[in-house]
Protein backbone atom coordinates (compact mmCIF):
# COMPACT_ATOMS: atom_id res chain seq x y z
CA MET A 1 21.80 37.31 12.04
CA ALA A 2 21.69 36.29 8.35
CA VAL A 3 18.64 34.41 7.17
CA GLU A 4 19.50 30.90 5.98
CA THR A 5 18.93 30.39 2.27
CA PRO A 6 16.54 27.48 1.66
CA LEU A 7 17.56 24.55 -0.49
CA LEU A 8 14.20 24.61 -2.29
CA SER A 9 11.32 27.03 -2.39
CA ALA A 10 7.94 26.39 -4.04
CA ALA A 11 5.32 29.10 -4.44
CA GLU A 12 1.81 29.62 -5.87
CA ILE A 13 1.43 25.99 -6.98
CA CYS A 14 -1.98 25.48 -8.57
CA ILE A 15 -2.96 22.15 -10.13
CA THR A 16 -6.28 21.64 -11.87
CA VAL A 17 -8.23 18.89 -13.58
CA ALA A 18 -7.25 18.94 -17.26
CA GLY A 19 -9.73 20.98 -19.26
CA ASP A 20 -11.51 22.35 -16.18
CA ASP A 21 -9.71 25.21 -14.42
CA ALA A 22 -12.53 25.46 -11.89
CA VAL A 23 -11.63 22.10 -10.28
CA ARG A 24 -8.45 22.70 -8.30
CA VAL A 25 -6.58 19.73 -6.88
CA VAL A 26 -3.92 21.95 -5.29
CA GLN A 27 -4.74 25.60 -4.56
CA ASN A 28 -1.98 28.22 -4.23
CA ALA A 29 0.34 26.02 -2.15
CA GLY A 30 3.89 26.85 -1.15
CA LEU A 31 6.68 25.40 0.97
CA GLN A 32 10.37 25.75 1.76
CA LEU A 33 13.00 23.11 2.43
CA ARG A 34 16.08 23.91 4.44
CA ARG A 35 19.28 22.08 3.61
CA GLY A 36 19.47 18.86 5.62
CA GLY A 37 15.92 19.24 6.95
CA SER A 38 13.00 16.85 6.86
CA LEU A 39 9.43 17.84 6.00
CA GLY A 40 6.37 15.61 6.38
CA ILE A 41 3.11 16.13 4.48
CA ALA A 42 -0.05 14.47 5.79
CA GLY A 43 -3.70 14.38 4.74
CA GLU A 44 -6.42 12.01 3.62
CA SER A 45 -6.81 10.58 0.11
CA GLY A 46 -7.62 13.35 -2.35
CA SER A 47 -6.11 16.10 -0.19
CA GLY A 48 -3.55 16.98 -2.88
CA LYS A 49 -0.42 15.91 -0.97
CA THR A 50 0.92 13.58 -3.69
CA ALA A 51 0.08 16.08 -6.46
CA LEU A 52 2.03 18.74 -4.54
CA VAL A 53 5.24 16.73 -4.09
CA HIS A 54 5.10 15.45 -7.66
CA ALA A 55 4.99 19.09 -8.75
CA LEU A 56 8.42 19.57 -7.15
CA LEU A 57 9.72 17.27 -9.91
CA GLY A 58 7.56 18.84 -12.62
CA TYR A 59 5.21 15.84 -12.72
CA ALA A 60 1.44 16.05 -13.14
CA ARG A 61 -0.37 12.72 -13.24
CA GLU A 62 -2.69 11.87 -16.11
CA GLY A 63 -5.85 13.96 -15.99
CA LEU A 64 -4.20 16.90 -14.18
CA GLU A 65 -2.34 19.98 -15.40
CA PHE A 66 -0.40 22.88 -13.92
CA ALA A 67 -2.18 26.24 -13.80
CA ASP A 68 0.64 28.09 -12.04
CA GLY A 69 3.66 27.58 -9.83
CA ARG A 70 7.36 28.35 -9.39
CA ILE A 71 10.14 26.16 -8.03
CA ALA A 72 13.53 27.55 -7.01
CA ILE A 73 16.45 25.26 -6.15
CA TRP A 74 19.64 26.73 -4.70
CA THR A 75 23.18 25.48 -5.10
CA ARG A 76 26.02 26.86 -3.00
CA ASP A 77 26.46 29.85 -5.33
CA ALA A 78 23.53 29.89 -7.77
CA VAL A 79 19.79 29.28 -8.08
CA VAL A 80 17.75 27.34 -10.63
CA ASP A 81 14.34 28.93 -11.25
CA LEU A 82 11.70 26.75 -12.89
CA GLN A 83 8.15 27.52 -14.02
CA LEU A 84 5.75 24.58 -13.75
CA THR A 85 3.81 25.66 -16.83
CA LYS A 86 6.75 25.82 -19.24
CA ASP A 87 10.18 24.66 -17.99
CA ASP A 88 11.89 21.29 -18.44
CA PHE A 89 12.53 19.66 -15.07
CA ARG A 90 14.82 16.99 -16.47
CA VAL A 91 17.77 19.19 -15.50
CA VAL A 92 17.06 18.49 -11.81
CA ARG A 93 15.40 15.04 -11.76
CA GLY A 94 17.65 12.30 -10.48
CA SER A 95 20.61 14.56 -9.74
CA ARG A 96 18.98 17.20 -7.51
CA LEU A 97 15.62 15.61 -6.62
CA ALA A 98 14.50 11.97 -6.70
CA LEU A 99 11.21 10.26 -5.93
CA VAL A 100 10.50 6.98 -4.12
CA PRO A 101 6.88 6.08 -5.00
CA GLN A 102 4.47 4.04 -2.90
CA ALA A 103 4.11 0.95 -5.07
CA ALA A 104 7.31 -0.72 -6.22
CA SER A 105 5.16 -2.57 -8.78
CA SER A 106 4.56 0.73 -10.55
CA VAL A 107 8.32 1.20 -11.07
CA LEU A 108 9.85 -2.26 -11.52
CA ASP A 109 9.48 -3.95 -14.91
CA PRO A 110 8.32 -7.56 -14.38
CA ILE A 111 10.17 -8.86 -17.46
CA MET A 112 13.56 -7.30 -16.64
CA THR A 113 15.95 -8.23 -13.87
CA VAL A 114 16.34 -5.57 -11.20
CA GLY A 115 20.03 -5.34 -12.13
CA HIS A 116 19.16 -4.44 -15.71
CA GLN A 117 16.79 -1.70 -14.54
CA LEU A 118 19.27 -0.32 -12.01
CA HIS A 119 22.01 -0.25 -14.64
CA GLU A 120 19.78 1.68 -17.07
CA VAL A 121 19.08 4.38 -14.49
CA ALA A 122 22.70 4.61 -13.33
CA ALA A 123 23.96 4.85 -16.91
CA ALA A 124 21.50 7.69 -17.60
CA VAL A 125 22.53 9.80 -14.60
CA ILE A 126 26.30 9.13 -14.26
CA GLY A 127 27.29 7.44 -17.54
CA PRO A 128 27.71 3.77 -18.51
CA ASP A 129 31.38 3.42 -17.46
CA SER A 130 30.70 3.81 -13.74
CA ALA A 131 27.14 2.41 -13.71
CA ASP A 132 27.90 -1.15 -12.55
CA ASP A 133 30.06 -0.04 -9.63
CA ARG A 134 27.47 2.55 -8.55
CA VAL A 135 24.68 -0.06 -8.66
CA LEU A 136 26.53 -2.58 -6.47
CA ALA A 137 27.65 0.10 -4.00
CA THR A 138 24.14 1.54 -3.65
CA LEU A 139 22.57 -1.90 -3.21
CA ALA A 140 24.97 -2.49 -0.33
CA GLU A 141 24.05 0.89 1.17
CA VAL A 142 20.34 -0.02 1.28
CA GLY A 143 21.09 -3.24 3.14
CA PHE A 144 21.59 -6.03 0.58
CA GLU A 145 24.34 -8.35 1.79
CA HIS A 146 24.86 -10.01 -1.62
CA PRO A 147 24.22 -7.37 -4.31
CA GLU A 148 25.74 -9.55 -7.03
CA GLU A 149 22.93 -12.08 -6.47
CA ILE A 150 20.10 -9.53 -6.15
CA ILE A 151 20.83 -8.01 -9.57
CA LYS A 152 20.02 -11.36 -11.20
CA ARG A 153 16.50 -11.53 -9.78
CA TYR A 154 13.16 -10.33 -11.09
CA ALA A 155 10.78 -8.18 -9.04
CA HIS A 156 8.40 -11.07 -8.31
CA GLN A 157 11.26 -13.01 -6.72
CA LEU A 158 11.68 -10.35 -4.02
CA SER A 159 9.67 -9.67 -0.89
CA GLY A 160 7.78 -6.40 -0.43
CA GLY A 161 10.54 -4.98 1.76
CA GLN A 162 13.23 -5.97 -0.75
CA ARG A 163 11.29 -4.37 -3.62
CA GLN A 164 10.98 -1.13 -1.70
CA ARG A 165 14.71 -1.14 -0.99
CA ILE A 166 15.26 -1.50 -4.75
CA ASN A 167 12.98 1.54 -5.13
CA LEU A 168 15.20 3.45 -2.72
CA CYS A 169 18.27 2.29 -4.60
CA LEU A 170 16.85 3.59 -7.90
CA ALA A 171 16.29 7.01 -6.34
CA LEU A 172 19.77 7.18 -4.76
CA LEU A 173 21.77 6.23 -7.87
CA GLY A 174 22.07 9.87 -8.97
CA ARG A 175 23.12 10.98 -5.47
CA PRO A 176 20.28 13.54 -5.18
CA GLU A 177 20.20 16.30 -2.58
CA ILE A 178 16.46 16.01 -2.00
CA LEU A 179 14.73 12.64 -1.54
CA ILE A 180 10.93 12.60 -1.85
CA LEU A 181 9.18 9.63 -0.22
CA ASP A 182 5.59 9.23 -1.42
CA GLU A 183 3.96 6.75 1.00
CA ALA A 184 7.19 4.77 0.67
CA THR A 185 6.52 2.49 3.65
CA THR A 186 2.72 2.21 3.43
CA ASP A 187 2.63 -1.27 1.88
CA LEU A 188 5.10 -2.76 4.37
CA ASP A 189 4.42 -4.75 7.52
CA ALA A 190 5.20 -3.08 10.85
CA ILE A 191 8.52 -4.85 11.39
CA THR A 192 9.81 -4.20 7.85
CA GLN A 193 8.51 -0.63 8.04
CA ARG A 194 10.56 0.07 11.13
CA ARG A 195 13.67 -1.39 9.49
CA VAL A 196 13.16 0.73 6.38
CA LEU A 197 12.60 3.88 8.46
CA GLU A 198 15.82 3.22 10.39
CA MET A 199 17.62 2.75 7.07
CA ILE A 200 16.18 6.03 5.72
CA LYS A 201 17.41 7.89 8.80
CA ARG A 202 20.88 6.39 8.34
CA LEU A 203 20.96 7.22 4.62
CA LYS A 204 19.88 10.79 5.38
CA VAL A 205 22.97 11.24 7.56
CA ASP A 206 25.35 9.34 5.28
CA HIS A 207 24.31 11.25 2.13
CA ASP A 208 23.43 14.59 3.78
CA LEU A 209 19.94 14.28 2.32
CA THR A 210 17.02 16.65 2.62
CA LEU A 211 13.78 14.67 3.04
CA VAL A 212 10.20 15.26 1.97
CA ALA A 213 7.92 12.46 3.19
CA VAL A 214 4.25 12.04 2.28
CA SER A 215 2.19 9.71 4.45
CA HIS A 216 -1.30 9.26 5.81
CA ASP A 217 0.29 7.79 8.95
CA LEU A 218 1.54 10.41 11.40
CA ARG A 219 3.40 7.65 13.25
CA VAL A 220 5.72 7.30 10.24
CA LEU A 221 6.24 11.05 9.85
CA ALA A 222 6.98 11.41 13.57
CA GLU A 223 9.83 8.91 13.13
CA ILE A 224 11.72 10.76 10.38
CA CYS A 225 10.48 14.38 10.11
CA GLU A 226 11.07 17.65 11.95
CA ASP A 227 8.45 19.83 10.25
CA LEU A 228 4.90 19.03 9.16
CA ILE A 229 2.35 20.25 6.61
CA ILE A 230 -1.31 19.22 6.89
CA MET A 231 -3.33 19.30 3.64
CA ARG A 232 -7.05 19.07 3.04
CA ASP A 233 -9.04 19.61 -0.17
CA GLY A 234 -5.98 20.99 -1.97
CA HIS A 235 -5.14 23.57 0.71
CA ILE A 236 -2.37 23.69 3.31
CA VAL A 237 -4.38 24.10 6.51
CA GLU A 238 -1.49 23.96 8.98
CA HIS A 239 2.31 24.10 8.82
CA GLY A 240 4.91 24.12 11.57
CA ASP A 241 7.20 22.14 13.84
CA LEU A 242 5.97 18.52 13.90
CA ARG A 243 6.21 18.08 17.67
CA GLU A 244 4.38 21.34 18.32
CA LEU A 245 1.58 20.41 15.89
CA LEU A 246 1.17 17.00 17.51
CA ASP A 247 1.08 18.53 20.98
CA ALA A 248 -1.17 21.51 20.21
CA PRO A 249 -2.90 21.36 16.79
CA LYS A 250 -4.72 24.57 15.86
CA HIS A 251 -6.95 23.35 13.03
CA ASP A 252 -9.87 20.99 13.73
CA TYR A 253 -8.82 18.67 10.89
CA THR A 254 -5.27 18.44 12.26
CA ALA A 255 -6.75 17.62 15.67
CA SER A 256 -8.76 14.74 14.16
CA LEU A 257 -5.62 13.30 12.50
CA VAL A 258 -3.68 13.63 15.75
CA GLN A 259 -6.51 11.85 17.59
CA ARG A 260 -6.09 8.82 15.31
CA PHE A 261 -2.32 9.10 15.74
CA ARG A 262 -2.73 8.93 19.52
CA VAL A 263 -5.49 6.31 19.74
CA GLY A 264 -4.82 4.25 16.61
CA PRO A 265 -6.11 4.04 13.03
CA LEU A 266 -9.40 2.47 14.14
CA ALA A 267 -10.38 5.18 16.62
CA GLY A 268 -14.17 5.35 16.61
CA VAL A 269 -14.66 2.02 14.77
CA GLU A 270 -16.67 -0.46 16.82
CA PRO A 271 -14.62 -3.65 17.27
CA THR A 272 -15.89 -6.98 16.02
CA ASP A 273 -17.44 -9.38 18.53
CA HIS A 274 -14.48 -11.71 19.12
CA ARG A 275 -16.67 -14.70 20.02
CA THR A 276 -16.84 -17.46 17.44
CA VAL A 277 -20.03 -17.89 15.42
CA ALA A 278 -22.73 -19.32 17.65
CA GLY A 279 -24.41 -22.55 16.59
CA GLU A 280 -22.10 -23.16 13.60
CA THR A 281 -20.08 -26.35 13.90
CA SER A 282 -19.17 -27.23 10.32
CA PRO A 283 -16.41 -25.07 8.80
CA ILE A 284 -16.79 -23.48 5.36
CA LEU A 285 -13.02 -23.78 4.79
CA GLU A 286 -10.69 -26.53 5.99
CA VAL A 287 -6.97 -26.44 5.20
CA HIS A 288 -4.75 -29.34 6.21
CA HIS A 289 -1.00 -29.62 5.58
CA MET A 290 -0.82 -27.10 2.73
CA ARG A 291 2.58 -26.74 1.08
CA ALA A 292 3.52 -24.31 -1.69
CA THR A 293 6.66 -23.75 -3.74
CA HIS A 294 8.25 -21.05 -5.87
CA ARG A 295 10.83 -21.44 -8.58
CA THR A 296 13.88 -19.20 -8.24
CA GLN A 297 17.12 -18.70 -10.10
CA ARG A 298 20.44 -18.35 -8.35
CA GLY A 299 23.89 -18.79 -9.76
CA GLY A 300 22.44 -19.57 -13.18
CA ARG A 301 20.46 -22.53 -11.83
CA THR A 302 16.73 -22.93 -11.36
CA ARG A 303 15.65 -24.43 -8.07
CA THR A 304 12.38 -25.04 -6.26
CA VAL A 305 11.94 -23.39 -2.86
CA GLU A 306 9.18 -24.35 -0.44
CA VAL A 307 7.49 -21.17 0.85
CA LEU A 308 4.56 -22.73 2.77
CA HIS A 309 5.21 -25.56 5.22
CA GLU A 310 2.37 -27.75 6.53
CA VAL A 311 -0.13 -24.89 6.98
CA SER A 312 -3.42 -25.90 8.63
CA LEU A 313 -6.41 -23.79 9.70
CA GLU A 314 -10.19 -23.61 9.39
CA ALA A 315 -12.88 -20.92 9.09
CA LEU A 316 -16.48 -21.25 10.27
CA ARG A 317 -19.30 -19.92 8.13
CA GLY A 318 -19.77 -16.22 8.88
CA GLU A 319 -16.50 -16.00 10.82
CA SER A 320 -13.78 -13.40 10.31
CA ILE A 321 -10.26 -14.87 10.32
CA GLY A 322 -7.13 -12.72 10.46
CA ILE A 323 -3.83 -13.66 8.81
CA VAL A 324 -0.84 -11.55 9.80
CA GLY A 325 2.89 -11.64 9.20
CA GLU A 326 5.74 -9.62 7.78
CA SER A 327 6.66 -9.40 4.10
CA GLY A 328 7.74 -12.77 2.77
CA SER A 329 5.99 -14.73 5.53
CA GLY A 330 3.81 -16.61 3.02
CA LYS A 331 0.41 -15.06 3.78
CA THR A 332 -0.26 -13.81 0.23
CA THR A 333 1.00 -17.09 -1.28
CA PHE A 334 -1.49 -18.86 1.00
CA ALA A 335 -4.32 -16.65 -0.30
CA ARG A 336 -3.29 -17.06 -3.94
CA SER A 337 -3.13 -20.83 -3.50
CA LEU A 338 -6.66 -20.89 -2.06
CA LEU A 339 -7.90 -18.87 -5.03
CA GLY A 340 -6.11 -21.14 -7.51
CA ILE A 341 -3.93 -18.27 -8.76
CA HIS A 342 -0.72 -19.84 -7.45
CA PRO A 343 -0.60 -23.32 -9.05
CA ASN A 344 2.27 -24.95 -7.18
CA TRP A 345 0.62 -26.11 -3.97
CA SER A 346 -0.45 -29.37 -2.37
CA GLY A 347 -2.46 -30.46 0.65
CA ASP A 348 -5.98 -31.36 1.72
CA VAL A 349 -8.24 -28.31 1.26
CA ARG A 350 -12.03 -28.46 1.44
CA PHE A 351 -14.40 -25.59 0.64
CA ASN A 352 -18.12 -25.87 1.37
CA GLY A 353 -17.49 -29.56 2.16
CA ALA A 354 -15.95 -30.43 -1.22
CA PRO A 355 -12.26 -30.85 -2.16
CA LEU A 356 -10.68 -27.74 -3.67
CA VAL A 357 -8.55 -28.59 -6.72
CA GLY A 358 -5.34 -26.85 -7.71
CA THR A 359 -5.92 -24.06 -10.24
CA ALA A 360 -8.88 -21.75 -10.80
CA ARG A 361 -9.31 -22.92 -14.41
CA ARG A 362 -10.00 -26.47 -13.24
CA ARG A 363 -12.65 -25.41 -10.75
CA PRO A 364 -16.42 -25.32 -11.44
CA LEU A 365 -17.97 -21.91 -12.02
CA GLN A 366 -19.93 -22.12 -8.76
CA VAL A 367 -16.72 -22.57 -6.76
CA ARG A 368 -15.07 -19.61 -8.47
CA LYS A 369 -18.16 -17.48 -7.78
CA SER A 370 -18.26 -18.54 -4.13
CA LEU A 371 -14.58 -17.84 -3.38
CA GLN A 372 -13.49 -14.30 -4.28
CA ILE A 373 -10.60 -11.95 -3.49
CA VAL A 374 -10.20 -8.19 -2.98
CA LEU A 375 -6.64 -7.23 -3.91
CA GLN A 376 -4.36 -4.81 -2.10
CA ASN A 377 -3.92 -2.52 -5.09
CA PRO A 378 -7.24 -1.84 -6.87
CA ASP A 379 -5.27 -0.50 -9.85
CA THR A 380 -4.47 -4.13 -10.69
CA THR A 381 -8.19 -4.99 -10.55
CA PHE A 382 -9.46 -2.49 -13.10
CA ASN A 383 -8.51 -2.10 -16.74
CA PRO A 384 -7.54 1.60 -17.04
CA ARG A 385 -9.24 1.77 -20.46
CA LEU A 386 -12.61 0.64 -19.08
CA THR A 387 -14.99 2.51 -16.82
CA ILE A 388 -15.81 1.04 -13.43
CA GLY A 389 -19.23 0.04 -14.76
CA GLN A 390 -17.75 -1.74 -17.78
CA SER A 391 -15.33 -3.71 -15.56
CA ILE A 392 -18.16 -4.83 -13.29
CA ALA A 393 -20.37 -5.62 -16.29
CA HIS A 394 -17.81 -8.08 -17.71
CA ARG A 395 -17.85 -10.04 -14.47
CA LEU A 396 -21.65 -9.91 -14.23
CA GLN A 397 -21.96 -11.42 -17.69
CA ASN A 398 -19.52 -14.21 -16.79
CA PHE A 399 -20.76 -14.99 -13.28
CA GLU A 400 -24.44 -14.08 -13.33
CA GLY A 401 -25.31 -14.37 -17.03
CA LEU A 402 -27.17 -11.06 -17.11
CA SER A 403 -28.54 -9.55 -20.29
CA ARG A 404 -27.54 -6.07 -21.45
CA GLY A 405 -30.75 -4.58 -20.06
CA GLU A 406 -30.20 -6.15 -16.65
CA LEU A 407 -26.63 -4.91 -16.21
CA ARG A 408 -27.17 -1.27 -15.25
CA PRO A 409 -29.62 -1.87 -12.37
CA ARG A 410 -27.37 -4.61 -10.95
CA ILE A 411 -24.28 -2.36 -11.22
CA ARG A 412 -26.18 0.40 -9.44
CA GLN A 413 -27.20 -2.04 -6.69
CA LEU A 414 -23.61 -3.22 -6.14
CA LEU A 415 -22.18 0.30 -6.08
CA ASN A 416 -24.84 1.50 -3.66
CA GLU A 417 -24.11 -1.48 -1.41
CA VAL A 418 -20.51 -0.33 -0.97
CA GLY A 419 -21.40 3.34 -0.52
CA LEU A 420 -20.81 4.60 -4.08
CA GLN A 421 -23.22 6.38 -6.43
CA GLU A 422 -24.43 5.19 -9.83
CA THR A 423 -22.42 8.05 -11.41
CA HIS A 424 -19.20 6.32 -10.30
CA ALA A 425 -19.96 3.59 -12.86
CA ASP A 426 -19.15 6.06 -15.65
CA ARG A 427 -15.76 7.00 -14.26
CA TYR A 428 -12.36 5.44 -14.86
CA SER A 429 -10.36 4.09 -11.93
CA ALA A 430 -7.82 6.93 -12.24
CA GLU A 431 -10.65 9.41 -11.58
CA LEU A 432 -11.46 7.93 -8.16
CA SER A 433 -9.71 8.41 -4.83
CA GLY A 434 -7.91 5.47 -3.24
CA GLY A 435 -10.82 4.75 -0.92
CA GLN A 436 -13.35 4.93 -3.75
CA ARG A 437 -11.27 2.57 -5.91
CA GLN A 438 -11.12 0.05 -3.08
CA ARG A 439 -14.90 0.26 -2.57
CA ALA A 440 -15.39 -0.31 -6.31
CA SER A 441 -13.02 -3.29 -6.11
CA ILE A 442 -15.12 -4.74 -3.28
CA ALA A 443 -18.29 -4.21 -5.35
CA ARG A 444 -16.71 -6.14 -8.23
CA SER A 445 -15.78 -8.99 -5.87
CA LEU A 446 -19.39 -9.25 -4.67
CA VAL A 447 -20.54 -10.27 -8.16
CA GLY A 448 -21.83 -13.85 -7.97
CA ASP A 449 -22.71 -13.53 -4.26
CA PRO A 450 -19.57 -15.19 -2.81
CA ASP A 451 -19.59 -17.18 0.43
CA LEU A 452 -15.98 -16.40 1.34
CA LEU A 453 -14.13 -13.16 0.61
CA VAL A 454 -10.35 -13.02 0.86
CA CYS A 455 -9.24 -9.45 1.66
CA ASP A 456 -5.53 -9.15 0.88
CA GLU A 457 -4.09 -5.96 2.47
CA VAL A 458 -7.18 -4.02 1.37
CA VAL A 459 -6.58 -0.99 3.61
CA SER A 460 -2.77 -0.81 3.67
CA GLY A 461 -2.53 1.93 1.04
CA LEU A 462 -5.34 4.11 2.44
CA ASP A 463 -5.34 7.08 4.79
CA VAL A 464 -6.76 6.52 8.26
CA GLU A 465 -10.17 7.99 7.45
CA SER A 466 -10.56 5.79 4.35
CA GLN A 467 -9.26 2.78 6.29
CA ALA A 468 -12.00 3.20 8.87
CA ARG A 469 -14.70 3.54 6.19
CA VAL A 470 -13.59 0.41 4.30
CA ILE A 471 -13.32 -1.58 7.53
CA GLN A 472 -16.81 -0.53 8.57
CA LEU A 473 -18.06 -1.49 5.11
CA LEU A 474 -16.54 -4.98 5.32
CA SER A 475 -17.99 -5.50 8.81
CA ARG A 476 -21.44 -4.48 7.56
CA LEU A 477 -21.23 -6.73 4.47
CA ARG A 478 -20.18 -9.66 6.65
CA SER A 479 -23.18 -9.10 8.92
CA GLU A 480 -25.75 -8.48 6.15
CA ARG A 481 -24.57 -11.15 3.70
CA GLY A 482 -23.32 -13.78 6.14
CA LEU A 483 -19.92 -13.58 4.47
CA THR A 484 -16.89 -15.39 5.78
CA LEU A 485 -13.88 -13.06 5.71
CA LEU A 486 -10.24 -14.06 5.43
CA PHE A 487 -8.57 -10.77 6.34
CA ILE A 488 -4.86 -10.58 5.46
CA SER A 489 -2.86 -7.66 6.79
CA HIS A 490 0.61 -6.74 7.96
CA ASP A 491 -1.01 -4.48 10.60
CA ILE A 492 -2.02 -6.64 13.54
CA SER A 493 -3.83 -3.66 15.14
CA VAL A 494 -6.34 -3.63 12.26
CA VAL A 495 -6.73 -7.41 12.37
CA ALA A 496 -7.25 -7.33 16.14
CA ALA A 497 -10.31 -5.08 15.80
CA LEU A 498 -11.91 -7.05 12.96
CA THR A 499 -11.44 -10.74 13.52
CA GLN A 500 -12.40 -13.55 15.87
CA ARG A 501 -9.33 -15.72 15.35
CA ILE A 502 -5.82 -14.92 14.14
CA ALA A 503 -3.18 -17.02 12.38
CA VAL A 504 0.34 -15.59 12.64
CA PHE A 505 2.55 -16.53 9.66
CA HIS A 506 6.34 -16.52 9.89
CA GLN A 507 8.73 -17.92 7.28
CA GLY A 508 5.99 -19.98 5.66
CA SER A 509 4.57 -21.55 8.82
CA ILE A 510 1.83 -20.70 11.29
CA VAL A 511 3.62 -19.93 14.56
CA GLU A 512 0.46 -18.97 16.44
CA TRP A 513 -3.25 -19.69 15.89
CA GLY A 514 -6.07 -18.92 18.27
CA PRO A 515 -8.74 -16.50 19.51
CA THR A 516 -7.91 -12.85 18.81
CA GLU A 517 -7.92 -11.70 22.42
CA GLN A 518 -5.59 -14.53 23.44
CA VAL A 519 -3.14 -13.87 20.59
CA ILE A 520 -3.00 -10.12 21.30
CA GLU A 521 -3.08 -10.10 25.10
CA ASN A 522 -1.00 -13.20 25.78
CA PRO A 523 1.08 -14.07 22.70
CA ALA A 524 2.76 -17.45 22.95
CA SER A 525 5.55 -16.77 20.44
CA ALA A 526 8.29 -14.14 20.58
CA TYR A 527 7.56 -13.28 16.94
CA THR A 528 3.90 -12.46 17.69
CA ARG A 529 5.00 -10.24 20.56
CA GLU A 530 7.38 -8.43 18.18
CA LEU A 531 4.52 -7.87 15.70
CA VAL A 532 2.28 -6.53 18.46
CA ASN A 533 4.95 -4.18 19.76
CA ALA A 534 5.88 -2.94 16.28
CA ALA A 535 2.23 -2.13 15.60
CA TYR A 536 2.05 0.11 18.70
CA ILE A 537 -0.37 -2.15 20.60
CA SER A 538 0.05 -2.96 24.27
CA VAL A 539 -0.03 -6.72 24.82
CA SER A 540 -1.96 -6.18 28.02
CA LYS A 541 -4.70 -3.96 26.57
CA LYS A 542 -6.04 -3.69 23.02
């Protein structure tokens, strides 16, 4: 029987830190893709999985360089051989291979409409004459019912799920044979994630695609992949049929990943005591009848849309409150309004017993110090041209008024508190792993000794091991500092293990609010039950 020719073959891929051949990010890795197949690649942050799939497109992120590697791509009657160290991969990007990155914000230009950006890409890969038709057709294929309206919008006017569908659309415009998904569903809530995964499976059939999917979540890979590679420390430690690896992993590291796949991302993390804070009767935060609006353009007209409707909740001092909901439910707008980042809100909000005014600029310094946020993407927290220490130092000078001589010891103290070393202060954010960047972001948010910390999707982009470490860190900080946590997440399984009360947001309103165990075990609303089921939690047992 003839051996099937692969669609793509990669061999001897070695990627090093620029200027230091001894530090290998990917070590002698290889893989093969069969036409119409689907390959998943899993591993923790820093394992080299993203560097490996980017190499298939001839990409090496800043600070890395190729030491060796060959890529061969077959057509029906020919083969394209490419050397990573010298060849131009533009001949295959877009038309043969295309990438869907994790963060849509890293792709979409905030000052251009999505239609403008889609047209630019389509014109580059198929020519300007057919670009408009290809854009509208592809938008319809990824599930937009009114493509002619979507092309007029800016990225910030779309939900997270809509932005990721635009990402998919950008990749599909050139009708590639191989689609590479780099954590493409990581930032999405469980319900939206399932919808996107179903759409990817449909598009794979419709376009006869070959898939390569990178994810730290084996649940995602099990949905769309047939084969699996496990990476650790730049090496491929296991490779084979996905079902066989899940049923009988051979490597200890694979077994640990499968354990978290079976039990859940918080396997081994001690759950929070779900009882409310004893002896504390006065809340630190009181929100009554909050409303918030966005301005949007449609049909050439600007209109105001209400995105939060009569939201009310409270948090006791030292309590951990969970806020969950799918993309576009209003949970991040709620957090941004509390912080004074989103200006268009109204309602009666009291913090530490005093009224909280609209925007951050109008608030006293003490209020701004006491109410801090940790953002989902730490890349938006740190200036890429400053070291971690310099970024923290700027905030220390503003919030704590420290002299130059007092800065270094305080920076060391903050970094140590979140499990980092003093040497991390001299590194740039791009030189840290995802988990390390998030720890550094938490350290920066602790400047000024806040009373309430808003954690907005702080673990959604992390592998399961890093998720557990950051969650344990936040639990410890809450206990040691007496912090009140407002924990926002699209993953209700994470919220269930961390919080004492949960508010479920849906379409700008709170549809359920109560003790965590009650919300999880006996949800009152159909929407909450859908969230619980989508997150792979039994409603009868956490």
